[in-house]
Amino acid sequence: MSDSTEKPDKSELQQRLDRAASGDQKAWQEIVEEYGPRVFGLLRAQCGDVDLAEEIAQSTFCTIASKIGSYTELGKFEAWLFRIAMNRLRDEMRRRKRQARPVEEQSLIGMAGADPDASGEERPDEDQLRKLREGVARLSDAEQKVLHLRYHSELSFKQIAEVLEQPLGTILARQHRALKKLESFLGPQEPDLD
């Protein structure tokens, strides 16, 4: 299996999908290991409920398993996968009649421009994270989704447009607007003089 930071090329992914569709458990396991953490992370960041995120992630992969035989990889697998996950979450949130709001710390660290796995020196302090969390909570749901898909799920803007079924220009504008709002919410930041 490829390194988690390395995404399989289209032909490799198609071969893996074909093997999984024909019942190859190892291929299916590779797909889940490759994409599962990002799907789960996105769902957890969006709903703030670990159990619900796990349930919806499992449901998402069940859907993928049932449809994988008819899927042809054209470079849109991730968008398809994340769109299914977001639709499942939306449906569940509607069913529960509540909005997904809490923001995961790892997403905030990524939005702050720091490496979430870095040493404490590069991580934002607790006050910065609190301010960022409060700022993200003040954004519209549409702006929050774009930020979560970009910084937590590590999707390209084109993939985000496909997941949300919105024009690329709209996604770019939401990203820009959200970051400007966060900048205004957080106030002037001290320059890093290192």
Protein backbone atom coordinates (compact mmCIF):
# COMPACT_ATOMS: atom_id res chain seq x y z
CA MET A 1 0.00 0.00 0.00
CA SER A 2 1.19 3.53 -0.65
CA ASP A 3 2.35 5.91 2.04
CA SER A 4 -0.55 7.90 3.55
CA THR A 5 0.96 11.14 2.27
CA GLU A 6 1.19 9.73 -1.24
CA LYS A 7 -2.01 9.34 -3.23
CA PRO A 8 -2.22 6.48 -5.70
CA ASP A 9 -2.21 7.44 -9.36
CA LYS A 10 -5.44 6.98 -11.30
CA SER A 11 -4.52 3.66 -12.88
CA GLU A 12 -3.33 2.24 -9.55
CA LEU A 13 -6.52 3.41 -7.87
CA GLN A 14 -8.67 1.94 -10.66
CA GLN A 15 -6.87 -1.39 -10.32
CA ARG A 16 -7.42 -1.34 -6.57
CA LEU A 17 -11.10 -0.47 -7.04
CA ASP A 18 -11.49 -3.26 -9.60
CA ARG A 19 -9.87 -5.77 -7.24
CA ALA A 20 -12.08 -4.62 -4.36
CA ALA A 21 -15.17 -4.91 -6.56
CA SER A 22 -14.24 -8.50 -7.40
CA GLY A 23 -14.01 -9.39 -3.70
CA ASP A 24 -10.32 -8.82 -2.94
CA GLN A 25 -10.37 -8.08 0.79
CA LYS A 26 -6.81 -6.74 0.79
CA ALA A 27 -7.69 -4.17 -1.89
CA TRP A 28 -10.77 -3.12 0.05
CA GLN A 29 -8.70 -2.81 3.24
CA GLU A 30 -6.19 -0.61 1.39
CA ILE A 31 -9.00 1.68 0.20
CA VAL A 32 -10.42 2.00 3.71
CA GLU A 33 -6.96 2.59 5.22
CA GLU A 34 -6.15 5.18 2.55
CA TYR A 35 -9.35 7.22 2.75
CA GLY A 36 -11.00 6.21 6.04
CA PRO A 37 -9.06 8.55 8.37
CA ARG A 38 -9.77 11.58 6.17
CA VAL A 39 -13.47 10.73 5.81
CA PHE A 40 -13.77 10.16 9.56
CA GLY A 41 -11.80 13.35 10.32
CA LEU A 42 -14.01 15.46 8.08
CA LEU A 43 -17.18 14.04 9.58
CA ARG A 44 -15.89 14.46 13.14
CA ALA A 45 -14.86 18.04 12.44
CA GLN A 46 -18.27 18.81 10.95
CA CYS A 47 -20.47 17.21 13.63
CA GLY A 48 -18.23 17.18 16.70
CA ASP A 49 -19.48 13.71 17.67
CA VAL A 50 -16.98 10.86 17.42
CA ASP A 51 -19.64 8.13 17.53
CA LEU A 52 -21.79 9.78 14.88
CA ALA A 53 -18.75 10.40 12.66
CA GLU A 54 -17.75 6.75 12.96
CA GLU A 55 -21.29 5.59 12.15
CA ILE A 56 -21.54 7.81 9.08
CA ALA A 57 -18.04 6.88 7.90
CA GLN A 58 -19.00 3.20 8.09
CA SER A 59 -22.23 3.92 6.25
CA THR A 60 -20.28 5.81 3.59
CA PHE A 61 -17.94 2.89 3.00
CA CYS A 62 -20.90 0.49 2.89
CA THR A 63 -22.36 2.62 0.10
CA ILE A 64 -19.02 2.66 -1.71
CA ALA A 65 -18.78 -1.15 -1.36
CA SER A 66 -22.23 -1.61 -2.89
CA LYS A 67 -21.51 0.72 -5.82
CA ILE A 68 -17.82 0.09 -6.42
CA GLY A 69 -18.46 -2.49 -9.15
CA SER A 70 -20.12 0.08 -11.39
CA TYR A 71 -17.68 2.90 -10.63
CA THR A 72 -15.07 3.89 -13.23
CA GLU A 73 -12.17 5.99 -11.98
CA LEU A 74 -11.89 9.23 -13.89
CA GLY A 75 -9.93 11.10 -11.24
CA LYS A 76 -13.01 11.84 -9.16
CA PHE A 77 -13.05 9.03 -6.60
CA GLU A 78 -12.20 11.30 -3.67
CA ALA A 79 -14.86 13.81 -4.65
CA TRP A 80 -17.41 11.00 -5.00
CA LEU A 81 -16.43 9.51 -1.64
CA PHE A 82 -16.52 12.82 0.23
CA ARG A 83 -19.79 13.85 -1.43
CA ILE A 84 -21.41 10.62 -0.19
CA ALA A 85 -20.03 11.26 3.31
CA MET A 86 -21.22 14.88 3.36
CA ASN A 87 -24.66 13.89 2.05
CA ARG A 88 -24.97 11.20 4.74
CA LEU A 89 -24.01 13.70 7.40
CA ARG A 90 -26.42 16.32 6.05
CA ASP A 91 -29.26 13.81 6.02
CA GLU A 92 -28.49 12.70 9.58
CA MET A 93 -28.25 16.28 10.82
CA ARG A 94 -31.57 17.10 9.21
CA ARG A 95 -33.03 14.02 10.84
CA ARG A 96 -31.73 15.19 14.19
CA LYS A 97 -32.75 18.79 13.43
CA ARG A 98 -29.53 20.31 14.63
CA GLN A 99 -26.53 21.91 13.02
CA ALA A 100 -22.98 20.59 13.01
CA ARG A 101 -20.83 23.17 14.74
CA PRO A 102 -17.89 22.07 16.90
CA VAL A 103 -14.49 22.38 15.28
CA GLU A 104 -11.72 19.87 15.89
CA GLU A 105 -8.38 21.18 17.14
CA GLN A 106 -6.46 19.45 14.31
CA SER A 107 -8.55 21.37 11.74
CA LEU A 108 -7.87 24.63 13.56
CA ILE A 109 -4.13 23.99 13.66
CA GLY A 110 -4.18 23.35 9.91
CA MET A 111 -6.20 26.52 9.29
CA ALA A 112 -3.72 28.45 11.40
CA GLY A 113 -1.01 27.34 9.00
CA ALA A 114 0.83 25.10 11.44
CA ASP A 115 1.69 21.45 11.04
CA PRO A 116 -0.65 19.50 13.38
CA ASP A 117 2.08 16.92 13.97
CA ALA A 118 4.83 19.45 14.59
CA SER A 119 6.59 20.08 17.86
CA GLY A 120 5.03 22.50 20.33
CA GLU A 121 7.12 25.38 18.97
CA GLU A 122 5.16 25.62 15.72
CA ARG A 123 1.74 24.86 17.19
CA PRO A 124 -0.56 27.79 17.94
CA ASP A 125 -1.06 28.39 21.65
CA GLU A 126 -4.37 27.61 23.38
CA ASP A 127 -5.52 31.24 23.20
CA GLN A 128 -4.93 31.30 19.44
CA LEU A 129 -6.83 28.03 19.01
CA ARG A 130 -9.72 29.31 21.13
CA LYS A 131 -9.92 32.50 19.05
CA LEU A 132 -9.72 30.53 15.82
CA ARG A 133 -12.42 28.10 17.01
CA GLU A 134 -14.67 31.03 17.90
CA GLY A 135 -13.93 32.67 14.55
CA VAL A 136 -14.75 29.53 12.58
CA ALA A 137 -18.02 29.15 14.53
CA ARG A 138 -18.99 32.65 13.35
CA LEU A 139 -18.59 31.68 9.67
CA SER A 140 -21.52 30.49 7.59
CA ASP A 141 -22.04 26.74 7.21
CA ALA A 142 -20.99 26.98 3.55
CA GLU A 143 -17.73 28.73 4.48
CA GLN A 144 -17.03 26.20 7.25
CA LYS A 145 -17.53 23.29 4.85
CA VAL A 146 -15.04 24.72 2.38
CA LEU A 147 -12.44 25.23 5.13
CA HIS A 148 -12.95 21.73 6.56
CA LEU A 149 -12.72 20.09 3.15
CA ARG A 150 -9.61 22.10 2.29
CA TYR A 151 -7.67 21.98 5.56
CA HIS A 152 -8.92 18.83 7.24
CA SER A 153 -9.66 16.54 4.30
CA GLU A 154 -6.85 18.03 2.19
CA LEU A 155 -8.96 18.22 -0.97
CA SER A 156 -8.06 20.46 -3.87
CA PHE A 157 -10.41 23.32 -4.72
CA LYS A 158 -11.54 21.41 -7.79
CA GLN A 159 -12.39 18.38 -5.63
CA ILE A 160 -14.23 20.58 -3.13
CA ALA A 161 -16.29 22.03 -6.00
CA GLU A 162 -17.18 18.48 -7.06
CA VAL A 163 -18.05 17.37 -3.51
CA LEU A 164 -20.27 20.37 -2.88
CA GLU A 165 -21.54 20.43 -6.47
CA GLN A 166 -20.71 24.13 -6.76
CA PRO A 167 -18.76 26.09 -9.38
CA LEU A 168 -15.03 26.35 -8.71
CA GLY A 169 -15.25 30.16 -8.62
CA THR A 170 -17.85 29.96 -5.85
CA ILE A 171 -15.60 27.69 -3.80
CA LEU A 172 -12.59 29.96 -4.28
CA ALA A 173 -14.66 33.00 -3.31
CA ARG A 174 -15.97 31.27 -0.17
CA GLN A 175 -12.45 30.26 0.83
CA HIS A 176 -11.16 33.81 0.31
CA ARG A 177 -14.13 35.35 2.13
CA ALA A 178 -13.84 32.89 5.03
CA LEU A 179 -10.12 33.56 5.48
CA LYS A 180 -10.67 37.34 5.36
CA LYS A 181 -13.43 37.03 7.97
CA LEU A 182 -11.19 34.91 10.19
CA GLU A 183 -8.42 37.48 9.79
CA SER A 184 -10.78 40.25 10.88
CA PHE A 185 -12.14 38.16 13.80
CA LEU A 186 -8.64 37.36 15.03
CA GLY A 187 -7.30 40.88 14.70
CA PRO A 188 -3.73 41.82 13.79
CA GLN A 189 -1.21 39.06 14.36
CA GLU A 190 2.32 39.69 15.52
CA PRO A 191 4.81 38.97 12.73
CA ASP A 192 7.06 35.98 13.19
CA LEU A 193 10.54 37.47 13.43
CA ASP A 194 12.46 34.16 13.42
